[in-house]
Amino acid sequence: MSQGDAEQAAEPVVHGLFRVEGTGAVLLGGHSPSSGLDHFPLQPVCPYTGADDVVAVDLPRTGSLWYATEVTAAPPGYAGRVPYGLGVVELDCGLRVVGRILGDTPATIAPGTPMEVTTELVATPEGEDRTVWAFGERRPR
């Protein structure tokens, strides 16, 4: 399913990781004022220092592609389309996040390409659709 279709899904794949906003999504992370570092997903303590001063933050919706590949064999329990893109996007805050990469040939997207957080629908083994976050190429506005 394509970008923006996920608005129609009743449930996210996991609650508390992101929220749908328009045709995009916002990843829900944490920030530790004492370490100055962001993390994803939100955890009660800083995963880098163990500090317990974490506050919930909306992570930037934009970043750049760090690496992408194409998954050509379905993992156990996965009922979605194959192949699909998987990669790492460095958000504008410097945090690198792993996620699905949208596009016909995601492995050919060059590192450094501007990306943005969006949504996609993925089928469950039970035949239901779930909303997941994904990264798509950022288009000029």
Protein backbone atom coordinates (compact mmCIF):
# COMPACT_ATOMS: atom_id res chain seq x y z
CA MET A 1 0.00 0.00 0.00
CA SER A 2 1.21 3.46 -0.66
CA GLN A 3 2.12 6.49 1.34
CA GLY A 4 -0.88 8.12 2.99
CA ASP A 5 -3.08 5.01 2.67
CA ALA A 6 -2.27 4.14 6.27
CA GLU A 7 -4.64 6.85 7.51
CA GLN A 8 -7.46 4.40 6.75
CA ALA A 9 -6.03 1.63 8.98
CA ALA A 10 -7.73 1.21 12.32
CA GLU A 11 -4.64 0.22 14.28
CA PRO A 12 -0.92 0.96 14.24
CA VAL A 13 1.39 -2.03 14.24
CA VAL A 14 2.42 -1.07 17.81
CA HIS A 15 0.94 1.71 19.93
CA GLY A 16 3.25 4.41 21.27
CA LEU A 17 5.94 4.35 18.55
CA PHE A 18 4.46 6.97 16.25
CA ARG A 19 1.34 8.93 15.48
CA VAL A 20 -0.23 9.54 12.10
CA GLU A 21 -0.34 13.21 11.17
CA GLY A 22 -1.88 14.14 7.82
CA THR A 23 -0.24 11.98 5.17
CA GLY A 24 2.86 11.54 7.31
CA ALA A 25 3.86 10.31 10.71
CA VAL A 26 5.76 11.57 13.74
CA LEU A 27 8.09 9.20 15.59
CA LEU A 28 7.73 9.42 19.37
CA GLY A 29 11.13 9.48 21.02
CA GLY A 30 12.85 10.52 24.18
CA HIS A 31 15.38 13.21 25.06
CA SER A 32 17.69 13.27 28.06
CA PRO A 33 18.57 16.85 29.06
CA SER A 34 21.61 15.66 31.04
CA SER A 35 23.12 13.75 28.11
CA GLY A 36 21.69 15.99 25.39
CA LEU A 37 20.81 12.88 23.36
CA ASP A 38 17.64 11.71 21.64
CA HIS A 39 16.56 8.08 21.33
CA PHE A 40 13.87 5.97 19.69
CA PRO A 41 11.68 4.41 20.80
CA LEU A 42 10.81 6.31 23.96
CA GLN A 43 12.31 4.63 27.05
CA PRO A 44 12.12 5.76 30.70
CA VAL A 45 15.93 6.03 30.96
CA CYS A 46 18.55 7.27 28.53
CA PRO A 47 19.91 4.21 26.69
CA TYR A 48 23.32 5.90 26.34
CA THR A 49 23.93 7.04 29.94
CA GLY A 50 21.22 5.52 32.13
CA ALA A 51 20.01 8.99 33.17
CA ASP A 52 16.41 8.97 34.41
CA ASP A 53 15.58 12.51 33.25
CA VAL A 54 14.06 11.47 29.90
CA VAL A 55 11.24 13.58 28.48
CA ALA A 56 9.00 12.54 25.59
CA VAL A 57 9.67 14.39 22.32
CA ASP A 58 8.43 14.37 18.76
CA LEU A 59 11.41 13.50 16.60
CA PRO A 60 12.05 15.43 13.37
CA ARG A 61 9.99 14.23 10.41
CA THR A 62 12.89 14.80 8.01
CA GLY A 63 16.38 13.47 7.55
CA SER A 64 18.61 11.82 4.98
CA LEU A 65 19.15 8.26 3.86
CA TRP A 66 22.18 6.66 5.44
CA TYR A 67 21.77 3.17 3.93
CA ALA A 68 19.06 1.10 2.21
CA THR A 69 18.65 -2.46 0.99
CA GLU A 70 15.90 -4.62 -0.43
CA VAL A 71 14.40 -7.52 1.54
CA THR A 72 13.62 -10.29 -0.95
CA ALA A 73 12.52 -13.11 1.37
CA ALA A 74 9.62 -12.73 3.78
CA PRO A 75 10.57 -13.12 7.46
CA PRO A 76 8.54 -15.62 9.54
CA GLY A 77 5.02 -14.34 10.28
CA TYR A 78 5.19 -11.57 7.68
CA ALA A 79 2.29 -11.41 5.21
CA GLY A 80 3.10 -8.15 3.42
CA ARG A 81 4.51 -7.63 -0.04
CA VAL A 82 8.01 -8.75 -0.95
CA PRO A 83 10.39 -7.31 -1.93
CA TYR A 84 10.36 -4.25 0.29
CA GLY A 85 12.91 -1.66 1.26
CA LEU A 86 14.59 -1.50 4.65
CA GLY A 87 17.16 1.04 5.68
CA VAL A 88 18.57 3.59 8.06
CA VAL A 89 17.63 7.27 7.98
CA GLU A 90 19.57 9.85 9.92
CA LEU A 91 16.98 12.28 11.24
CA ASP A 92 17.75 15.99 11.32
CA CYS A 93 18.55 15.68 15.05
CA GLY A 94 21.38 13.22 14.25
CA LEU A 95 19.57 10.08 15.47
CA ARG A 96 19.65 7.12 13.07
CA VAL A 97 16.41 5.12 12.82
CA VAL A 98 15.80 1.80 11.05
CA GLY A 99 12.59 1.53 9.05
CA ARG A 100 10.89 0.58 5.83
CA ILE A 101 12.01 2.53 2.76
CA LEU A 102 9.30 3.25 0.21
CA GLY A 103 9.87 3.12 -3.52
CA ASP A 104 10.05 0.68 -6.39
CA THR A 105 13.79 0.09 -6.01
CA PRO A 106 14.81 1.40 -2.58
CA ALA A 107 18.28 -0.14 -2.77
CA THR A 108 19.11 2.28 -5.59
CA ILE A 109 18.30 5.42 -3.59
CA ALA A 110 21.59 7.21 -3.02
CA PRO A 111 22.90 7.80 0.50
CA GLY A 112 22.24 11.41 1.48
CA THR A 113 18.88 11.56 -0.32
CA PRO A 114 16.44 13.74 1.66
CA MET A 115 13.79 11.56 3.35
CA GLU A 116 10.68 12.12 5.46
CA VAL A 117 8.63 9.98 7.83
CA THR A 118 5.39 8.74 6.33
CA THR A 119 3.06 5.76 6.73
CA GLU A 120 2.32 2.52 4.94
CA LEU A 121 -0.20 -0.28 5.35
CA VAL A 122 1.15 -3.79 5.90
CA ALA A 123 -1.01 -6.93 5.95
CA THR A 124 -0.93 -9.23 8.97
CA PRO A 125 -1.07 -13.04 8.65
CA GLU A 126 -4.73 -12.74 9.71
CA GLY A 127 -5.45 -10.59 6.65
CA GLU A 128 -5.83 -7.30 8.53
CA ASP A 129 -3.95 -4.14 7.62
CA ARG A 130 -1.79 -2.35 10.18
CA THR A 131 -0.22 1.07 9.92
CA VAL A 132 3.57 1.22 10.11
CA TRP A 133 5.95 4.14 9.85
CA ALA A 134 8.16 4.27 6.79
CA PHE A 135 10.54 6.65 5.08
CA GLY A 136 9.88 8.11 1.66
CA GLU A 137 11.91 10.46 -0.49
CA ARG A 138 11.22 14.06 0.51
CA ARG A 139 9.62 16.01 -2.29
CA PRO A 140 10.15 19.75 -2.75
CA ARG A 141 7.19 21.72 -1.43
